[in-house]
Protein backbone atom coordinates (compact mmCIF):
# COMPACT_ATOMS: atom_id res chain seq x y z
CA MET A 1 -0.30 -0.48 0.14
CA LYS A 2 1.30 3.81 -1.01
CA ARG A 3 1.76 5.74 2.32
CA ILE A 4 1.59 9.52 2.20
CA ILE A 5 1.37 12.06 4.92
CA LEU A 6 -0.96 15.75 4.70
CA THR A 7 0.30 18.83 5.72
CA GLY A 8 -1.73 22.00 6.46
CA GLY A 9 -3.24 23.97 8.97
CA GLY A 10 -3.70 27.07 10.85
CA THR A 11 -6.18 27.78 9.72
CA ALA A 12 -9.50 26.12 7.57
CA GLY A 13 -8.37 27.52 4.09
CA HIS A 14 -5.52 25.21 5.13
CA VAL A 15 -7.62 21.99 5.62
CA THR A 16 -10.00 21.39 3.58
CA PRO A 17 -8.79 20.66 0.77
CA ASN A 18 -6.70 17.55 1.81
CA ILE A 19 -10.16 16.77 3.44
CA ALA A 20 -12.12 17.02 -0.01
CA LEU A 21 -8.38 14.49 -1.05
CA ILE A 22 -9.14 11.82 1.40
CA PRO A 23 -11.88 9.77 -0.64
CA GLU A 24 -9.95 9.87 -3.98
CA LEU A 25 -6.09 8.95 -2.40
CA LYS A 26 -8.91 6.17 -0.65
CA LYS A 27 -9.75 5.21 -3.79
CA ARG A 28 -6.57 5.14 -4.71
CA GLY A 29 -5.00 2.78 -2.81
CA PHE A 30 -3.57 5.54 -0.21
CA GLU A 31 -2.35 4.94 2.91
CA ILE A 32 -2.83 8.11 4.87
CA HIS A 33 -1.90 10.17 7.77
CA TYR A 34 -1.75 13.67 8.97
CA ILE A 35 0.85 15.68 11.09
CA GLY A 36 -0.57 19.58 12.05
CA SER A 37 -0.06 21.57 15.00
CA LYS A 38 -0.57 20.35 18.63
CA THR A 39 -3.62 22.90 19.15
CA GLY A 40 -4.90 24.35 15.54
CA ILE A 41 -8.16 23.98 14.28
CA GLU A 42 -6.25 21.51 11.20
CA LYS A 43 -6.55 19.18 14.83
CA GLU A 44 -10.54 19.42 15.52
CA LEU A 45 -11.67 18.81 11.95
CA ILE A 46 -9.56 15.89 10.71
CA GLY A 47 -10.55 14.21 14.17
CA ASN A 48 -13.50 13.71 12.27
CA PHE A 49 -11.86 11.34 10.10
CA ASP A 50 -10.27 7.75 10.38
CA ILE A 51 -6.67 9.45 9.50
CA PRO A 52 -3.86 8.64 12.65
CA TYR A 53 -3.05 12.69 13.58
CA TYR A 54 0.03 13.78 14.88
CA GLY A 55 0.81 16.98 16.20
CA ILE A 56 4.28 18.65 16.09
CA SER A 57 5.59 22.10 17.29
CA SER A 58 4.85 24.95 16.00
CA GLY A 59 5.94 28.77 15.00
CA LYS A 60 5.07 31.18 13.29
CA LEU A 61 7.39 33.98 10.93
CA ARG A 62 5.90 37.47 11.95
CA ARG A 63 6.36 40.89 10.00
CA TYR A 64 5.41 42.91 13.32
CA PHE A 65 6.57 42.88 16.59
CA ASP A 66 5.74 40.15 19.04
CA VAL A 67 7.29 38.61 21.95
CA LYS A 68 6.87 35.35 20.61
CA ASN A 69 9.05 35.99 17.72
CA PHE A 70 11.90 34.90 20.51
CA THR A 71 10.80 31.39 21.04
CA ASP A 72 9.01 30.59 17.69
CA PRO A 73 12.12 30.13 16.01
CA PHE A 74 13.09 27.38 19.01
CA ARG A 75 9.56 25.94 17.86
CA ILE A 76 10.28 25.22 14.14
CA LEU A 77 13.39 23.86 15.23
CA LYS A 78 11.57 21.40 17.85
CA GLY A 79 9.29 20.82 14.70
CA TYR A 80 11.60 19.43 12.20
CA SER A 81 12.62 16.98 14.31
CA GLU A 82 9.63 15.61 15.91
CA ALA A 83 9.17 15.76 12.09
CA LYS A 84 11.65 14.29 10.72
CA LYS A 85 11.28 11.80 13.60
CA LEU A 86 7.52 9.89 12.60
CA ILE A 87 8.87 10.43 8.61
CA LYS A 88 11.32 7.87 9.50
CA LYS A 89 8.65 6.03 11.39
CA ILE A 90 5.84 6.38 8.99
CA LYS A 91 7.99 6.25 5.74
CA PRO A 92 5.72 7.38 3.23
CA ASP A 93 6.21 7.57 -0.71
CA VAL A 94 4.87 11.50 -0.73
CA ILE A 95 3.66 14.02 1.64
CA PHE A 96 1.41 16.72 0.19
CA SER A 97 1.74 20.34 1.78
CA LYS A 98 -1.22 22.59 1.84
CA GLY A 99 0.00 25.27 3.35
CA GLY A 100 0.59 27.90 6.89
CA PHE A 101 3.53 27.33 8.78
CA VAL A 102 3.23 24.44 10.68
CA THR A 103 4.20 23.05 6.86
CA VAL A 104 7.49 24.64 6.59
CA PRO A 105 9.45 21.66 9.14
CA VAL A 106 7.44 19.28 7.88
CA VAL A 107 8.49 19.57 4.01
CA LYS A 108 12.15 20.35 5.19
CA ALA A 109 12.37 16.98 7.43
CA ALA A 110 10.32 15.11 4.05
CA SER A 111 13.05 16.87 1.39
CA ARG A 112 16.30 16.44 3.92
CA GLN A 113 15.10 11.78 3.55
CA LYS A 114 14.52 12.37 -0.45
CA VAL A 115 10.81 11.74 0.22
CA PRO A 116 9.33 14.12 -2.62
CA CYS A 117 7.08 16.54 -1.77
CA VAL A 118 3.46 17.91 -3.64
CA LEU A 119 2.35 21.45 -2.13
CA HIS A 120 -0.34 23.25 -3.39
CA GLU A 121 -0.89 27.31 -3.42
CA SER A 122 -4.26 28.66 -3.10
CA ASP A 123 -3.79 32.38 -3.67
CA ILE A 124 -2.78 34.75 -6.29
CA SER A 125 1.56 35.09 -5.02
CA PRO A 126 2.68 31.77 -2.72
CA GLY A 127 2.56 32.90 1.00
CA LEU A 128 5.42 33.03 3.16
CA ALA A 129 5.04 29.19 4.13
CA ASN A 130 4.98 27.94 0.80
CA ARG A 131 7.78 30.00 -0.36
CA LEU A 132 10.01 28.79 2.06
CA CYS A 133 8.99 25.25 0.71
CA ILE A 134 8.82 26.08 -2.78
CA PRO A 135 12.82 24.33 -3.11
CA SER A 136 12.68 21.65 -1.32
CA ALA A 137 8.79 20.98 -3.68
CA THR A 138 9.29 18.23 -6.67
CA ALA A 139 5.46 20.06 -7.96
CA ILE A 140 3.27 22.60 -6.77
CA CYS A 141 -0.55 23.26 -7.60
CA ALA A 142 -1.82 26.01 -8.50
CA ASN A 143 -5.30 27.64 -8.10
CA PHE A 144 -4.78 30.71 -10.03
CA PRO A 145 -3.09 31.15 -13.80
CA GLU A 146 -1.64 34.11 -11.78
CA THR A 147 0.06 32.11 -9.79
CA LEU A 148 2.18 30.41 -12.11
CA GLU A 149 3.98 33.65 -12.95
CA HIS A 150 5.23 33.41 -9.31
CA LEU A 151 6.22 29.80 -9.59
CA PRO A 152 9.22 28.11 -10.86
CA LYS A 153 7.66 26.91 -14.60
CA ASP A 154 9.39 22.85 -15.05
CA LYS A 155 7.38 22.57 -10.82
CA ALA A 156 4.09 24.29 -11.41
CA HIS A 157 0.68 23.08 -12.05
CA LEU A 158 -2.40 24.78 -13.20
CA THR A 159 -5.07 22.25 -11.00
CA GLY A 160 -7.93 24.81 -9.23
CA SER A 161 -8.72 24.21 -5.21
CA PRO A 162 -10.12 20.53 -4.15
CA ILE A 163 -13.77 21.02 -3.42
CA ARG A 164 -15.32 18.24 -1.20
CA SER A 165 -17.42 16.48 -2.66
CA GLU A 166 -19.93 16.53 -0.41
CA LEU A 167 -20.90 20.26 -0.59
CA PHE A 168 -22.38 19.35 -4.02
CA SER A 169 -25.58 17.34 -2.25
CA GLY A 170 -26.47 19.92 -0.14
CA ASN A 171 -30.41 19.44 0.97
CA ARG A 172 -31.70 23.38 0.70
CA LEU A 173 -34.73 22.15 2.96
CA ALA A 174 -32.44 20.09 5.47
CA GLY A 175 -30.55 23.67 6.09
CA LEU A 176 -33.01 24.99 6.85
CA GLU A 177 -34.69 22.95 8.98
CA PHE A 178 -31.38 22.73 11.07
CA CYS A 179 -31.97 27.00 11.68
CA GLY A 180 -34.99 26.56 12.04
CA PHE A 181 -35.96 28.49 9.66
CA SER A 182 -39.30 29.01 7.07
CA ALA A 183 -38.84 28.27 2.97
CA ASP A 184 -40.81 31.71 2.03
CA LYS A 185 -38.14 33.98 2.89
CA PRO A 186 -34.20 34.45 1.33
CA VAL A 187 -31.47 33.35 3.89
CA ILE A 188 -27.91 35.03 4.01
CA LEU A 189 -25.16 32.70 4.72
CA VAL A 190 -22.57 34.74 6.50
CA ILE A 191 -19.56 33.03 6.66
CA GLY A 192 -16.66 35.58 8.46
CA GLY A 193 -13.67 32.84 8.24
CA SER A 194 -12.71 30.20 10.41
CA LEU A 195 -11.15 32.45 13.20
CA GLY A 196 -13.93 34.44 13.09
CA SER A 197 -13.65 38.93 11.98
CA VAL A 198 -14.70 41.10 14.47
CA ARG A 199 -15.15 44.09 11.44
CA VAL A 200 -17.59 41.44 9.95
CA ASN A 201 -19.48 40.53 12.48
CA GLU A 202 -20.11 43.71 13.60
CA ALA A 203 -21.55 45.46 10.36
CA VAL A 204 -23.66 42.54 10.42
CA ARG A 205 -24.84 43.07 13.22
CA ALA A 206 -24.95 46.22 12.67
CA ILE A 207 -27.90 45.86 10.27
CA LEU A 208 -29.03 43.08 12.13
CA PRO A 209 -32.69 44.47 12.60
CA GLN A 210 -33.87 45.74 8.47
CA LEU A 211 -32.15 42.67 7.21
CA LEU A 212 -34.87 40.55 9.00
CA GLU A 213 -37.43 42.24 7.97
CA LYS A 214 -36.19 40.79 4.31
CA TYR A 215 -33.98 37.61 5.36
CA GLN A 216 -33.37 35.08 7.55
CA ILE A 217 -29.42 35.43 8.35
CA ILE A 218 -27.00 32.17 9.09
CA HIS A 219 -24.22 33.81 11.04
CA LEU A 220 -20.98 31.41 11.04
CA CYS A 221 -18.77 34.44 13.47
CA GLY A 222 -15.99 32.43 14.36
CA LYS A 223 -13.92 30.51 17.40
CA ASP A 224 -15.58 32.96 20.34
CA LYS A 225 -16.97 35.45 18.25
CA ILE A 226 -21.02 34.52 18.92
CA ASP A 227 -23.15 36.91 21.00
CA PRO A 228 -24.84 35.87 23.61
CA SER A 229 -27.51 39.19 23.07
CA LEU A 230 -28.69 37.88 20.33
CA GLN A 231 -29.07 34.04 21.12
CA GLY A 232 -32.95 33.08 20.23
CA THR A 233 -33.22 36.36 18.03
CA PRO A 234 -36.58 35.20 14.71
CA GLY A 235 -34.82 34.58 11.58
CA TYR A 236 -31.48 34.85 12.77
CA VAL A 237 -29.24 31.83 14.18
CA GLN A 238 -25.24 32.05 14.77
CA TYR A 239 -22.59 29.26 15.04
CA GLU A 240 -18.89 29.34 15.62
CA TYR A 241 -17.63 27.04 12.83
CA ILE A 242 -20.24 24.43 11.17
CA GLN A 243 -18.55 21.14 9.94
CA LYS A 244 -21.30 17.98 9.17
CA GLU A 245 -24.30 20.61 7.99
CA LEU A 246 -22.33 23.06 5.96
CA SER A 247 -23.42 21.68 3.03
CA ASP A 248 -27.12 21.78 3.83
CA LEU A 249 -26.73 25.99 4.92
CA LEU A 250 -24.48 26.90 1.65
CA ASP A 251 -28.03 25.17 -0.25
CA ALA A 252 -30.04 27.10 1.83
CA ALA A 253 -29.14 30.50 1.05
CA ASP A 254 -29.87 32.53 -1.79
CA PHE A 255 -26.11 34.66 -1.24
CA VAL A 256 -22.97 34.23 0.53
CA ILE A 257 -21.65 37.34 2.55
CA SER A 258 -17.66 35.48 3.24
CA ARG A 259 -14.64 37.07 3.32
CA ALA A 260 -12.16 36.41 0.72
CA GLY A 261 -9.88 33.40 2.05
CA ALA A 262 -9.17 31.16 -1.71
CA ASN A 263 -10.52 27.95 -0.80
CA ALA A 264 -13.48 29.26 0.04
CA ILE A 265 -13.78 31.55 -2.43
CA CYS A 266 -13.95 28.55 -5.19
CA GLU A 267 -16.19 26.71 -3.31
CA LEU A 268 -19.01 29.52 -3.88
CA LEU A 269 -17.97 29.18 -7.71
CA ALA A 270 -18.04 25.95 -8.25
CA LEU A 271 -21.18 25.55 -6.30
CA HIS A 272 -22.98 28.99 -8.09
CA LYS A 273 -23.44 31.07 -4.88
CA PRO A 274 -23.96 35.12 -5.43
CA ASN A 275 -21.28 36.68 -2.76
CA ILE A 276 -20.42 39.50 -1.33
CA LEU A 277 -16.30 39.24 -0.75
CA ILE A 278 -14.58 41.71 2.15
CA PRO A 279 -11.19 40.68 1.72
CA LEU A 280 -8.55 41.21 4.60
CA SER A 281 -7.25 44.68 4.57
CA LEU A 282 -3.25 44.81 4.58
CA GLU A 283 -3.22 46.13 7.75
CA ALA A 284 -3.76 42.60 8.61
CA SER A 285 -2.80 40.75 5.75
CA ARG A 286 -0.01 39.97 3.21
CA GLY A 287 -2.56 41.22 0.55
CA ASP A 288 -3.69 38.35 -1.06
CA GLN A 289 -7.40 38.26 -0.01
CA ILE A 290 -7.84 41.58 -1.49
CA LEU A 291 -6.35 39.93 -5.34
CA ASN A 292 -7.88 36.83 -4.95
CA ALA A 293 -11.37 39.20 -4.71
CA ALA A 294 -10.17 42.01 -7.31
CA SER A 295 -10.14 38.22 -10.00
CA PHE A 296 -13.07 37.37 -8.74
CA GLU A 297 -15.08 40.65 -9.30
CA LYS A 298 -13.04 40.93 -12.75
CA GLN A 299 -14.58 37.93 -13.89
CA GLY A 300 -17.67 38.57 -12.80
CA PHE A 301 -18.02 35.95 -10.13
CA SER A 302 -18.62 38.83 -6.94
CA TYR A 303 -18.91 41.98 -4.96
CA VAL A 304 -16.45 43.64 -3.53
CA ILE A 305 -16.24 45.65 -0.40
CA LYS A 306 -12.54 47.37 0.97
CA GLU A 307 -12.22 46.32 4.65
CA GLU A 308 -11.72 50.45 5.83
CA GLU A 309 -14.94 50.99 3.37
CA LEU A 310 -16.92 48.78 5.32
CA THR A 311 -19.67 50.35 6.56
CA SER A 312 -23.47 48.96 7.94
CA GLU A 313 -25.08 51.34 4.97
CA ARG A 314 -21.97 50.25 2.88
CA LEU A 315 -22.91 46.83 3.34
CA MET A 316 -26.61 47.17 2.54
CA GLU A 317 -26.69 49.15 -0.81
CA ALA A 318 -24.33 45.56 -1.68
CA ILE A 319 -26.89 43.54 -0.74
CA SER A 320 -29.60 45.42 -2.68
CA TYR A 321 -27.49 45.15 -5.67
CA VAL A 322 -26.57 41.10 -5.52
CA ASP A 323 -29.95 40.43 -3.96
CA THR A 324 -31.29 42.60 -7.70
CA HIS A 325 -27.98 41.01 -10.45
CA LYS A 326 -28.31 37.20 -8.70
CA ASP A 327 -28.87 36.11 -11.45
CA GLU A 328 -25.83 37.59 -14.16
CA TYR A 329 -23.46 36.42 -11.10
CA LYS A 330 -24.45 33.00 -11.59
CA ASN A 331 -24.85 32.91 -14.69
CA ALA A 332 -21.26 33.92 -14.82
CA MET A 333 -20.04 31.45 -12.81
CA LYS A 334 -22.26 28.82 -14.68
CA ALA A 335 -19.88 30.11 -17.77
CA SER A 336 -16.43 29.65 -15.85
CA ASN A 337 -14.18 26.48 -16.21
CA GLN A 338 -14.19 24.95 -13.39
CA GLN A 339 -11.43 22.49 -13.76
CA ASN A 340 -11.86 19.08 -11.20
CA ALA A 341 -9.41 19.71 -8.88
CA VAL A 342 -9.32 16.64 -7.39
CA GLN A 343 -8.43 14.56 -9.86
CA LEU A 344 -6.09 16.72 -11.04
CA VAL A 345 -4.10 16.80 -7.93
CA ALA A 346 -4.56 13.20 -6.59
CA ASP A 347 -2.77 12.41 -10.31
CA ILE A 348 -0.16 14.68 -9.50
CA ILE A 349 0.29 12.83 -6.26
CA ASP A 350 -0.06 9.81 -7.79
CA LYS A 351 3.16 10.04 -10.20
CA ALA A 352 5.60 11.86 -7.09
CA ALA A 353 4.21 8.65 -5.06
CA LYS A 354 5.60 6.71 -8.57
CA LEU A 355 9.01 8.06 -8.35
CA SER A 356 9.25 7.51 -4.85
CA THR A 357 8.61 3.93 -5.12
CA ASP A 358 10.72 3.56 -8.16
CA SER A 359 13.99 4.74 -6.91
CA LYS A 360 13.12 2.86 -3.55
CA ASP A 361 13.69 -0.45 -5.93
CA ASP A 362 16.46 0.91 -8.03
């Protein structure tokens, strides 16, 4: 049996493409293992699958001052040592890395032991973790055509982002029932990201009375971001995070308000969901979500509000516009060339694993 180690973490966006690949990899005969951080969201998400999970120490390379900058390098070194021992024990044929700082020690340790590594970059420009891993990679999968300009030509493959198959089997009525909603009023799904967005949450809650006159609101507000004062409000439900029922909630939604993480917006594209994107500002990120959102806006898939321009009035205007033009957004998304990323990425992984197996036989 072929063995693979999946790695990625820090946010749900660094885990869900791995989850999307699991059924296909099992079908192809892979024994799957997962390396993530000891306390990250990936541990919880992967815990729902029958896959061995190994937590290692991880640190973050920040672009700003933080007292943890003095201790995180030691965590990274410890993580490298732990990853090295795990790779020797598991003896994988290939590593698939989705990104996040936990992946850096895993990829570096694998490269040192001559285990091929396949990376996936979701954003238009590679993040710091993936930039550190690129020299050690056998192949790099990209989500946007613009990304190929930033990658070595002999390693780059345009694949799109693996989408979880269960997202396509959502049941609108089940989603409405889960939320206690009626079928005669449109639904807006608000997704603030797995870590939550204070700005998005505040903007939505500021206009909640006006919204509830016409819509029902499903609010995925992030960990520890639930507002107890709004619990039990008719037509409004809030959850920290949803996994099992997400496909039903997406099917129930008439349109979506979301951050502009690459995996999240690719799922909206695949499902043809009209959407309003509010990308993270440059103050809070390296600007990848701004580029992602701009690409989707240019292609007619999304309405974009810059975070620094986000007000309750601006959001209300955007909701009204998208509601009026939702059929135009749907048609643009249906006309796009959504690739079968799960098959394409699995093919690349399979090829890398075969090269590894052939070299062992030699």
